[in-house]
Amino acid sequence: MSWRPVFLRPRGLAAWLVGLVALALPARAQTPADVGQWSSVMTWPITATHASLQPDGKVMFIGEFDEGNLPPRRWDPATNAVTSLPFPGYNIFCSGHSYLADGKLLFSGGHITSDVGLNDASLFDPFSSSWIRLPDMNAGRWYPTNTTLSNGDVLVLSGEMNGSGDINTLPQRFLAATRTWKNMTTARLTLPLYPKMFLAPSGRLFYAGPGRASRWLSTAGTGTWSTGPSSNFGTRSYGPAVYVDARVYVIGGGDPPTATTEVIDLNLDTPTWRYVSSMGTRRRQHNATLLPDGTVLVTGGSSGSGFDNASNPVFQAELYDPTANTWRPLASNTVYRGYHSTALLLPDGRVMSAGGRNRPTAEVFSPPYLFKGPRPTLAAAPDTVMPGTTFTVSTPDAARISKVTLIALGSTTHTFDENQRLNTLKFTRGTGSLTVTAPSFNSRAPPGFHQLFLVDDAGVPSVGRMVRVLRRPTVAAGARQDEGEQ
């Protein structure tokens, strides 16, 4: 016969009483190590509707509407000083922008009035703080997307020309070597404004939204589109997308907004979209920023229906861990960051959150990892690295480094960062050093400036070090070659 110990019921009663007492006690106050910490609000002279991290660690930003006729500004995160930059000579609001291999920033299009774009194009040189005018594009572009290719060229797509719905269907390739334009005449297509485009490991471009039907674009010759898999949710208007180790995540968006998140792995031969964990709050007009530890920070946005519903602001930040497939809430900011807001990762691991319609202010978020102990030291690293090679990083903390990441400089507007992408790098530990393997091809790390981070076993990142990824030389005939190199 079975024997049932008589002390089970008293023990259960005791556990119930302990739980009841615990409910009556105040919850442990959350600390910055749990939820991070926001700075006070800074007032800036113009809104930060377009924001780009420069190779010197400062942030260039451009204002909205008529502010685009004012000089751009530059913010120094170390001193909080804001200074003026030269005016390019035309209104660069609603342009596209991404970095070239040499650190210059290509701007495509601009603003005449809502839905009417300029055909102007320029380079901004962050080292001399000067502008270089380029040949005009084929027609106006208002809300275009720039995507840097494997060989350092840039493909420009979409943008309105002369009114609402009048889309520039002709993709144009900026040839960096000659600073001229090549018309991709066999790749004409009507795309949404600011399409979410990503350079895939194959060298092709992947269109990830906001529409449900994704597509591939071969940049060989004058371009060829092919059909890709459809996402699950539907149109994710004004929802961000990020690239982590060749996996693209689309987060929220839509009207009414959704909290859902989907991912597609571009490493696979036949990738498909699948749902992952959802945010705690549905959002639209929010920003997503890649952090050094490989997590994704989401800030701002609205939970309400409509284009830019400021009556339903979302102040609480959220953090997504792709490895654990979990979201968790973080600290709340104080200003609604919706339409025309921006967010950028800074070299010190903090995140700038700024702008919004008629909001010339900024806040800085310090993620929880900055309150979890001393930072690992990145003492030395090469100024340049070649894809497919190894390089040495000096650090007195080699024994406790758990991750090495490479993040391209952010350049963001209208919920989409046209330049940021994260690669997790393989490494081996030595005495006082790490031997790190660079990404195999420029299709994984396009030529240009990236931030190199070391992350220790407590999840704390080093200060980022600027490293310029070089263009890999043309490979021998018959060997693996990216389409973007053609």
Protein backbone atom coordinates (compact mmCIF):
# COMPACT_ATOMS: atom_id res chain seq x y z
CA MET A 1 0.00 0.00 0.00
CA SER A 2 1.18 3.55 -0.64
CA TRP A 3 2.29 5.78 2.19
CA ARG A 4 1.42 9.48 2.18
CA PRO A 5 3.54 11.62 4.50
CA VAL A 6 1.39 13.70 6.78
CA PHE A 7 3.77 16.72 6.60
CA LEU A 8 2.85 17.57 2.97
CA ARG A 9 -0.25 19.55 3.90
CA PRO A 10 1.48 21.69 6.55
CA ARG A 11 4.38 22.35 4.16
CA GLY A 12 1.88 23.41 1.45
CA LEU A 13 0.17 25.70 3.91
CA ALA A 14 3.51 27.23 4.89
CA ALA A 15 4.40 27.85 1.25
CA TRP A 16 1.02 29.52 0.71
CA LEU A 17 1.57 31.76 3.75
CA VAL A 18 5.07 32.72 2.54
CA GLY A 19 3.63 33.62 -0.85
CA LEU A 20 0.90 35.71 0.75
CA VAL A 21 3.45 37.64 2.80
CA ALA A 22 5.58 38.18 -0.30
CA LEU A 23 2.61 39.69 -2.12
CA ALA A 24 2.08 42.08 0.75
CA LEU A 25 5.69 43.28 0.67
CA PRO A 26 6.77 46.01 -1.78
CA ALA A 27 8.43 44.73 -4.97
CA ARG A 28 12.17 45.22 -5.29
CA ALA A 29 12.80 48.54 -6.95
CA GLN A 30 14.14 48.12 -10.47
CA THR A 31 17.61 49.52 -10.93
CA PRO A 32 19.48 50.71 -14.03
CA ALA A 33 21.13 47.27 -14.11
CA ASP A 34 17.62 45.86 -14.67
CA VAL A 35 16.03 48.39 -17.02
CA GLY A 36 18.71 50.88 -18.09
CA GLN A 37 18.54 54.63 -17.64
CA TRP A 38 17.48 57.64 -19.72
CA SER A 39 19.25 60.98 -19.68
CA SER A 40 17.52 64.30 -19.27
CA VAL A 41 16.02 65.85 -22.41
CA MET A 42 18.31 68.00 -24.54
CA THR A 43 16.92 70.83 -26.68
CA TRP A 44 18.40 71.05 -30.17
CA PRO A 45 18.07 73.82 -32.80
CA ILE A 46 16.38 71.52 -35.35
CA THR A 47 14.74 68.10 -35.31
CA ALA A 48 16.89 65.03 -35.92
CA THR A 49 14.82 63.56 -38.78
CA HIS A 50 17.89 62.11 -40.51
CA ALA A 51 20.77 61.00 -38.28
CA SER A 52 24.12 59.41 -39.16
CA LEU A 53 26.95 58.29 -36.90
CA GLN A 54 30.20 59.59 -38.35
CA PRO A 55 33.57 57.81 -38.27
CA ASP A 56 34.75 60.20 -35.51
CA GLY A 57 31.86 59.13 -33.25
CA LYS A 58 29.85 62.33 -33.66
CA VAL A 59 26.31 62.45 -35.04
CA MET A 60 25.25 64.43 -38.10
CA PHE A 61 21.54 65.28 -38.18
CA ILE A 62 19.18 66.99 -40.60
CA GLY A 63 15.82 68.62 -39.89
CA GLU A 64 12.32 68.19 -41.27
CA PHE A 65 10.44 70.11 -43.97
CA ASP A 66 11.74 73.72 -44.19
CA GLU A 67 14.49 72.90 -41.69
CA GLY A 68 16.10 71.06 -44.60
CA ASN A 69 16.94 74.52 -45.96
CA LEU A 70 18.97 75.19 -42.83
CA PRO A 71 22.51 73.92 -42.23
CA PRO A 72 22.72 70.36 -40.89
CA ARG A 73 24.01 70.03 -37.35
CA ARG A 74 26.55 67.83 -35.61
CA TRP A 75 26.25 66.61 -32.03
CA ASP A 76 29.24 65.52 -29.96
CA PRO A 77 28.13 62.80 -27.49
CA ALA A 78 31.19 63.45 -25.33
CA THR A 79 30.40 67.11 -24.67
CA ASN A 80 26.74 67.43 -25.81
CA ALA A 81 27.84 70.37 -27.96
CA VAL A 82 25.84 70.98 -31.16
CA THR A 83 27.55 72.79 -34.02
CA SER A 84 26.55 73.77 -37.55
CA LEU A 85 27.76 72.05 -40.70
CA PRO A 86 27.89 73.58 -44.19
CA PHE A 87 24.63 73.80 -46.13
CA PRO A 88 24.59 71.55 -49.22
CA GLY A 89 22.73 74.08 -51.34
CA TYR A 90 19.33 72.38 -51.46
CA ASN A 91 16.77 70.81 -49.12
CA ILE A 92 17.98 67.28 -48.25
CA PHE A 93 14.99 66.43 -46.07
CA CYS A 94 13.41 63.10 -47.17
CA SER A 95 16.56 61.96 -48.96
CA GLY A 96 18.15 58.52 -48.85
CA HIS A 97 21.61 58.02 -47.36
CA SER A 98 24.25 55.36 -46.79
CA TYR A 99 28.02 55.26 -46.41
CA LEU A 100 30.65 54.59 -49.06
CA ALA A 101 33.84 52.60 -48.53
CA ASP A 102 35.88 55.75 -47.81
CA GLY A 103 33.51 57.06 -45.13
CA LYS A 104 31.74 59.61 -47.30
CA LEU A 105 27.95 59.70 -46.98
CA LEU A 106 25.88 59.55 -50.18
CA PHE A 107 22.62 61.55 -50.16
CA SER A 108 20.06 60.86 -52.87
CA GLY A 109 17.05 63.06 -53.56
CA GLY A 110 15.45 65.67 -51.37
CA HIS A 111 12.42 67.83 -50.72
CA ILE A 112 10.48 70.33 -52.84
CA THR A 113 7.17 69.80 -51.11
CA SER A 114 5.37 66.75 -49.70
CA ASP A 115 5.48 63.89 -52.26
CA VAL A 116 7.62 65.92 -54.69
CA GLY A 117 11.30 65.03 -54.75
CA LEU A 118 14.54 66.51 -56.01
CA ASN A 119 16.86 64.72 -58.42
CA ASP A 120 19.92 66.12 -56.64
CA ALA A 121 22.68 63.94 -55.20
CA SER A 122 25.68 64.81 -53.04
CA LEU A 123 28.46 63.34 -50.97
CA PHE A 124 29.18 64.61 -47.48
CA ASP A 125 32.82 64.23 -46.43
CA PRO A 126 32.85 63.91 -42.61
CA PHE A 127 36.63 64.35 -42.46
CA SER A 128 36.64 67.79 -44.07
CA SER A 129 33.00 68.70 -43.26
CA SER A 130 32.41 69.53 -46.91
CA TRP A 131 29.90 68.71 -49.65
CA ILE A 132 30.59 67.34 -53.11
CA ARG A 133 27.85 67.76 -55.72
CA LEU A 134 27.25 64.78 -57.97
CA PRO A 135 25.54 64.42 -61.35
CA ASP A 136 21.77 64.60 -61.07
CA MET A 137 19.75 61.40 -60.94
CA ASN A 138 17.25 60.46 -63.65
CA ALA A 139 14.33 62.14 -61.83
CA GLY A 140 13.22 63.28 -58.42
CA ARG A 141 13.25 61.00 -55.38
CA TRP A 142 11.34 61.74 -52.14
CA TYR A 143 11.73 58.89 -49.59
CA PRO A 144 14.23 56.72 -51.53
CA THR A 145 16.42 54.00 -50.02
CA ASN A 146 20.19 53.71 -50.48
CA THR A 147 21.87 50.31 -50.12
CA THR A 148 25.65 49.91 -50.19
CA LEU A 149 26.77 46.96 -52.33
CA SER A 150 29.64 44.49 -51.94
CA ASN A 151 31.99 46.50 -54.14
CA GLY A 152 31.20 49.85 -52.51
CA ASP A 153 28.70 51.07 -55.11
CA VAL A 154 25.26 52.14 -53.88
CA LEU A 155 21.88 51.18 -55.30
CA VAL A 156 19.13 53.79 -55.00
CA LEU A 157 15.50 52.69 -55.26
CA SER A 158 12.03 54.22 -55.11
CA GLY A 159 11.06 57.71 -54.03
CA GLU A 160 8.24 59.91 -55.31
CA MET A 161 8.83 62.28 -58.22
CA ASN A 162 5.96 64.73 -58.81
CA GLY A 163 3.12 63.80 -56.48
CA SER A 164 1.56 61.19 -54.25
CA GLY A 165 2.02 57.72 -55.74
CA ASP A 166 4.23 58.95 -58.59
CA ILE A 167 7.05 56.51 -57.84
CA ASN A 168 10.45 56.61 -59.52
CA THR A 169 10.51 53.01 -60.77
CA LEU A 170 14.06 53.10 -62.18
CA PRO A 171 16.75 51.85 -59.78
CA GLN A 172 20.05 53.64 -60.24
CA ARG A 173 23.48 52.40 -59.26
CA PHE A 174 25.97 54.95 -58.03
CA LEU A 175 29.36 53.93 -59.38
CA ALA A 176 31.71 54.98 -56.60
CA ALA A 177 34.88 54.77 -58.70
CA THR A 178 33.66 57.30 -61.31
CA ARG A 179 30.95 59.09 -59.29
CA THR A 180 28.44 58.54 -62.05
CA TRP A 181 25.01 56.87 -62.30
CA LYS A 182 24.13 53.63 -64.05
CA ASN A 183 20.47 53.05 -64.92
CA MET A 184 19.24 49.58 -63.99
CA THR A 185 16.88 49.52 -66.93
CA THR A 186 15.79 45.88 -66.64
CA ALA A 187 14.86 46.26 -62.96
CA ARG A 188 12.06 48.82 -63.10
CA LEU A 189 9.54 48.24 -60.32
CA THR A 190 7.07 50.26 -58.28
CA LEU A 191 8.10 49.98 -54.64
CA PRO A 192 6.77 51.59 -51.44
CA LEU A 193 8.49 54.65 -50.03
CA TYR A 194 11.72 53.94 -48.14
CA PRO A 195 11.69 50.23 -49.01
CA LYS A 196 13.50 47.98 -46.52
CA MET A 197 16.43 46.73 -48.63
CA PHE A 198 19.29 44.54 -47.38
CA LEU A 199 22.48 43.21 -48.97
CA ALA A 200 22.27 39.41 -48.67
CA PRO A 201 25.21 36.98 -48.36
CA SER A 202 24.74 36.03 -52.03
CA GLY A 203 25.42 39.64 -53.06
CA ARG A 204 21.81 40.12 -54.17
CA LEU A 205 19.53 42.66 -52.52
CA PHE A 206 16.59 41.49 -50.46
CA TYR A 207 13.41 43.57 -50.23
CA ALA A 208 11.91 42.89 -46.79
CA GLY A 209 8.97 45.27 -46.71
CA PRO A 210 6.92 47.08 -45.68
CA GLY A 211 4.84 45.04 -48.13
CA ARG A 212 4.15 41.38 -47.45
CA ALA A 213 5.63 40.05 -50.72
CA SER A 214 9.44 40.08 -50.47
CA ARG A 215 11.71 40.09 -53.51
CA TRP A 216 15.28 39.51 -54.62
CA LEU A 217 17.23 41.90 -56.85
CA SER A 218 20.30 40.75 -58.73
CA THR A 219 22.54 43.76 -59.34
CA ALA A 220 24.47 42.06 -62.16
CA GLY A 221 24.18 43.86 -65.49
CA THR A 222 21.21 46.19 -65.46
CA GLY A 223 19.36 44.25 -62.76
CA THR A 224 16.84 41.44 -62.45
CA TRP A 225 14.05 41.00 -59.90
CA SER A 226 12.81 37.62 -58.74
CA THR A 227 10.03 36.61 -56.38
CA GLY A 228 10.78 35.92 -52.72
CA PRO A 229 8.71 34.43 -49.89
CA SER A 230 5.74 36.25 -48.44
CA SER A 231 5.78 37.31 -44.81
CA ASN A 232 3.03 36.23 -42.44
CA PHE A 233 1.51 39.34 -40.91
CA GLY A 234 0.87 41.66 -43.83
CA THR A 235 1.89 45.25 -44.53
CA ARG A 236 4.13 46.65 -41.79
CA SER A 237 4.02 50.34 -42.64
CA TYR A 238 6.33 52.40 -40.45
CA GLY A 239 7.79 49.40 -38.70
CA PRO A 240 11.59 48.96 -38.56
CA ALA A 241 13.72 46.10 -39.85
CA VAL A 242 17.24 45.08 -38.74
CA TYR A 243 20.00 42.75 -39.96
CA VAL A 244 21.71 40.42 -37.46
CA ASP A 245 24.13 37.80 -38.82
CA ALA A 246 22.28 37.66 -42.17
CA ARG A 247 18.91 37.26 -40.43
CA VAL A 248 16.43 40.06 -41.09
CA TYR A 249 13.88 40.89 -38.39
CA VAL A 250 10.79 43.01 -39.10
CA ILE A 251 9.27 44.44 -35.94
CA GLY A 252 5.77 45.80 -35.47
CA GLY A 253 4.33 48.41 -37.83
CA GLY A 254 1.02 48.39 -39.69
CA ASP A 255 -2.23 50.24 -39.09
CA PRO A 256 -3.54 49.41 -36.57
CA PRO A 257 -0.05 48.56 -35.32
CA THR A 258 1.00 45.07 -34.37
CA ALA A 259 3.35 43.76 -31.67
CA THR A 260 4.42 40.79 -33.81
CA THR A 261 7.94 40.14 -35.05
CA GLU A 262 9.08 37.99 -37.96
CA VAL A 263 12.50 36.77 -39.08
CA ILE A 264 13.99 35.38 -42.28
CA ASP A 265 17.42 33.73 -42.46
CA LEU A 266 19.21 34.87 -45.62
CA ASN A 267 21.95 32.28 -45.00
CA LEU A 268 19.56 29.58 -46.25
CA ASP A 269 19.15 28.57 -49.88
CA THR A 270 15.36 28.84 -49.68
CA PRO A 271 14.61 31.10 -46.72
CA THR A 272 11.10 31.62 -45.37
CA TRP A 273 9.55 34.05 -42.94
CA ARG A 274 8.53 32.81 -39.50
CA TYR A 275 7.09 34.45 -36.42
CA VAL A 276 9.23 34.88 -33.32
CA SER A 277 8.22 36.33 -29.95
CA SER A 278 6.11 39.47 -29.99
CA MET A 279 6.82 42.75 -28.27
CA GLY A 280 4.95 43.52 -25.08
CA THR A 281 3.33 46.55 -26.74
CA ARG A 282 2.18 47.02 -30.30
CA ARG A 283 3.97 49.86 -32.07
CA ARG A 284 4.14 51.97 -35.20
CA GLN A 285 6.62 54.77 -35.98
CA HIS A 286 9.19 53.24 -33.61
CA ASN A 287 12.93 52.66 -34.08
CA ALA A 288 15.05 49.51 -33.70
CA THR A 289 18.75 49.76 -32.87
CA LEU A 290 21.34 46.99 -32.86
CA LEU A 291 23.37 46.79 -29.64
CA PRO A 292 26.94 45.48 -29.24
CA ASP A 293 25.82 42.30 -27.46
CA GLY A 294 23.63 41.27 -30.41
CA THR A 295 20.32 42.34 -28.87
CA VAL A 296 17.85 44.76 -30.47
CA LEU A 297 16.58 47.87 -28.67
CA VAL A 298 13.15 49.20 -29.64
CA THR A 299 12.25 52.75 -28.65
CA GLY A 300 9.30 55.06 -29.16
CA GLY A 301 6.34 54.72 -31.46
CA SER A 302 2.58 54.79 -31.02
CA SER A 303 0.23 51.96 -30.05
CA GLY A 304 -2.78 53.71 -31.57
CA SER A 305 -4.33 53.50 -35.02
CA GLY A 306 -3.66 56.20 -37.58
CA PHE A 307 -0.58 57.64 -39.18
CA ASP A 308 1.15 59.20 -36.16
CA ASN A 309 -1.11 58.86 -33.14
CA ALA A 310 0.52 60.95 -30.44
CA SER A 311 -2.43 60.33 -28.11
CA ASN A 312 -1.25 56.74 -27.66
CA PRO A 313 2.50 57.16 -27.13
CA VAL A 314 4.77 54.30 -26.13
CA PHE A 315 7.46 55.52 -23.76
CA GLN A 316 8.75 52.22 -22.44
CA ALA A 317 11.71 50.76 -24.34
CA GLU A 318 11.89 47.03 -25.04
CA LEU A 319 14.83 44.71 -25.65
CA TYR A 320 14.81 41.66 -27.92
CA ASP A 321 17.30 38.83 -27.45
CA PRO A 322 17.47 36.83 -30.72
CA THR A 323 19.30 33.95 -29.05
CA ALA A 324 16.72 33.46 -26.28
CA ASN A 325 13.84 34.72 -28.47
CA THR A 326 12.55 36.89 -25.64
CA TRP A 327 11.44 40.49 -25.18
CA ARG A 328 11.70 42.36 -21.91
CA PRO A 329 10.60 45.85 -20.86
CA LEU A 330 13.14 48.54 -20.03
CA ALA A 331 13.01 52.08 -18.68
CA SER A 332 10.67 54.70 -20.14
CA ASN A 333 11.69 57.97 -21.72
CA THR A 334 9.71 61.20 -21.42
CA VAL A 335 9.12 62.55 -24.97
CA TYR A 336 6.92 60.94 -27.63
CA ARG A 337 9.20 59.73 -30.42
CA GLY A 338 6.99 58.95 -33.39
CA TYR A 339 7.02 60.11 -37.02
CA HIS A 340 10.37 61.70 -37.94
CA SER A 341 12.18 60.29 -34.89
CA THR A 342 15.58 58.61 -35.10
CA ALA A 343 17.80 56.37 -32.97
CA LEU A 344 21.51 55.53 -33.27
CA LEU A 345 24.04 53.34 -31.45
CA LEU A 346 26.95 55.42 -30.12
CA PRO A 347 30.52 54.12 -29.74
CA ASP A 348 30.21 54.09 -25.93
CA GLY A 349 27.28 51.65 -26.14
CA ARG A 350 24.57 54.21 -25.39
CA VAL A 351 21.72 54.96 -27.81
CA MET A 352 20.64 58.38 -29.01
CA SER A 353 16.86 58.79 -29.39
CA ALA A 354 15.82 62.06 -30.98
CA GLY A 355 13.34 63.95 -33.09
CA GLY A 356 9.71 63.35 -33.88
CA ARG A 357 7.26 65.70 -35.59
CA ASN A 358 8.01 69.23 -34.30
CA ARG A 359 10.22 67.81 -31.54
CA PRO A 360 13.71 69.35 -31.70
CA THR A 361 14.91 67.41 -28.67
CA ALA A 362 17.00 64.35 -27.88
CA GLU A 363 17.49 61.83 -25.09
CA VAL A 364 20.21 59.25 -24.54
CA PHE A 365 19.57 55.74 -23.25
CA SER A 366 22.14 53.77 -21.28
CA PRO A 367 21.24 50.06 -21.62
CA PRO A 368 21.39 47.77 -18.57
CA TYR A 369 24.75 46.33 -19.63
CA LEU A 370 26.43 49.63 -18.72
CA PHE A 371 25.53 49.04 -15.05
CA LYS A 372 26.74 45.47 -14.69
CA GLY A 373 30.41 46.01 -13.90
CA PRO A 374 33.63 47.34 -15.42
CA ARG A 375 33.90 47.44 -19.18
CA PRO A 376 36.39 45.23 -21.01
CA THR A 377 39.23 47.16 -22.58
CA LEU A 378 39.87 47.11 -26.31
CA ALA A 379 43.47 48.31 -26.20
CA ALA A 380 44.39 48.02 -29.87
CA ALA A 381 42.97 46.84 -33.18
CA PRO A 382 43.94 47.38 -36.81
CA ASP A 383 42.55 50.42 -38.58
CA THR A 384 41.58 48.29 -41.58
CA VAL A 385 40.58 44.66 -42.04
CA MET A 386 40.20 42.53 -45.17
CA PRO A 387 37.29 40.10 -45.49
CA GLY A 388 38.29 36.47 -45.19
CA THR A 389 41.38 37.17 -43.06
CA THR A 390 42.22 37.11 -39.36
CA PHE A 391 43.42 40.05 -37.30
CA THR A 392 44.69 40.60 -33.76
CA VAL A 393 42.94 42.62 -31.07
CA SER A 394 44.84 43.52 -27.90
CA THR A 395 42.91 43.34 -24.63
CA PRO A 396 43.95 42.64 -21.04
CA ASP A 397 40.52 41.01 -20.62
CA ALA A 398 40.96 38.29 -23.23
CA ALA A 399 40.10 35.49 -20.80
CA ARG A 400 36.61 36.85 -20.14
CA ILE A 401 35.59 37.95 -23.64
CA SER A 402 32.55 35.98 -24.80
CA LYS A 403 31.59 37.77 -28.01
CA VAL A 404 33.08 40.00 -30.71
CA THR A 405 30.74 42.01 -32.91
CA LEU A 406 31.11 44.31 -35.90
CA ILE A 407 28.35 46.88 -36.47
CA ALA A 408 28.20 49.18 -39.49
CA LEU A 409 27.74 52.89 -38.77
CA GLY A 410 24.07 53.74 -38.43
CA SER A 411 22.34 56.14 -40.84
CA THR A 412 18.64 56.29 -40.10
CA THR A 413 15.41 58.04 -41.04
CA HIS A 414 11.68 57.26 -41.08
CA THR A 415 12.00 54.10 -38.90
CA PHE A 416 14.63 52.48 -41.15
CA ASP A 417 18.41 52.46 -40.77
CA GLU A 418 19.76 52.15 -44.30
CA ASN A 419 23.27 51.27 -43.17
CA GLN A 420 23.36 49.41 -39.81
CA ARG A 421 24.05 45.66 -39.75
CA LEU A 422 25.64 43.38 -37.18
CA ASN A 423 28.08 40.51 -37.71
CA THR A 424 29.17 38.23 -34.87
CA LEU A 425 32.82 37.33 -35.43
CA LYS A 426 34.61 34.10 -34.59
CA PHE A 427 37.69 34.43 -32.36
CA THR A 428 40.26 32.55 -30.33
CA ARG A 429 41.78 33.73 -27.07
CA GLY A 430 45.46 34.33 -26.50
CA THR A 431 47.43 35.93 -23.69
CA GLY A 432 46.40 39.57 -23.74
CA SER A 433 44.94 39.27 -27.21
CA LEU A 434 42.27 37.78 -29.43
CA THR A 435 42.67 36.43 -32.93
CA VAL A 436 39.51 37.47 -34.75
CA THR A 437 38.18 36.26 -38.09
CA ALA A 438 36.74 38.94 -40.35
CA PRO A 439 33.51 38.27 -42.29
CA SER A 440 34.25 36.07 -45.29
CA PHE A 441 32.96 38.40 -48.00
CA ASN A 442 31.93 42.03 -48.47
CA SER A 443 28.38 40.81 -48.97
CA ARG A 444 28.36 40.24 -45.20
CA ALA A 445 30.32 43.37 -44.28
CA PRO A 446 30.24 45.99 -47.06
CA PRO A 447 33.39 48.09 -47.46
CA GLY A 448 33.38 51.05 -45.11
CA PHE A 449 33.55 51.99 -41.44
CA HIS A 450 32.20 49.67 -38.74
CA GLN A 451 32.35 49.65 -34.95
CA LEU A 452 34.24 46.74 -33.39
CA PHE A 453 33.05 45.69 -29.91
CA LEU A 454 34.26 43.17 -27.35
CA VAL A 455 31.60 41.79 -24.99
CA ASP A 456 32.60 40.10 -21.74
CA ASP A 457 31.04 37.16 -19.92
CA ALA A 458 28.80 39.54 -17.94
CA GLY A 459 27.41 40.96 -21.19
CA VAL A 460 29.25 44.28 -20.81
CA PRO A 461 30.63 45.77 -24.06
CA SER A 462 33.86 47.62 -24.61
CA VAL A 463 33.85 51.06 -26.13
CA GLY A 464 33.53 50.58 -29.88
CA ARG A 465 36.57 51.05 -32.05
CA MET A 466 36.23 52.31 -35.62
CA VAL A 467 37.55 49.78 -38.13
CA ARG A 468 37.35 50.19 -41.89
CA VAL A 469 36.47 47.04 -43.79
CA LEU A 470 38.31 47.03 -47.12
CA ARG A 471 36.99 45.86 -50.42
CA ARG A 472 38.13 42.31 -51.06
CA PRO A 473 40.13 42.04 -54.32
CA THR A 474 38.39 40.43 -57.27
CA VAL A 475 38.63 36.68 -56.92
CA ALA A 476 39.89 34.26 -59.52
CA ALA A 477 37.57 33.03 -62.26
CA GLY A 478 35.34 30.20 -61.08
CA ALA A 479 35.77 31.07 -57.41
CA ARG A 480 33.03 32.39 -55.12
CA GLN A 481 32.20 35.97 -56.09
CA ASP A 482 29.54 38.36 -54.91
CA GLU A 483 27.18 39.77 -57.51
CA GLY A 484 27.88 43.24 -56.17
CA GLU A 485 31.47 42.90 -57.30
CA GLN A 486 30.45 42.56 -60.92
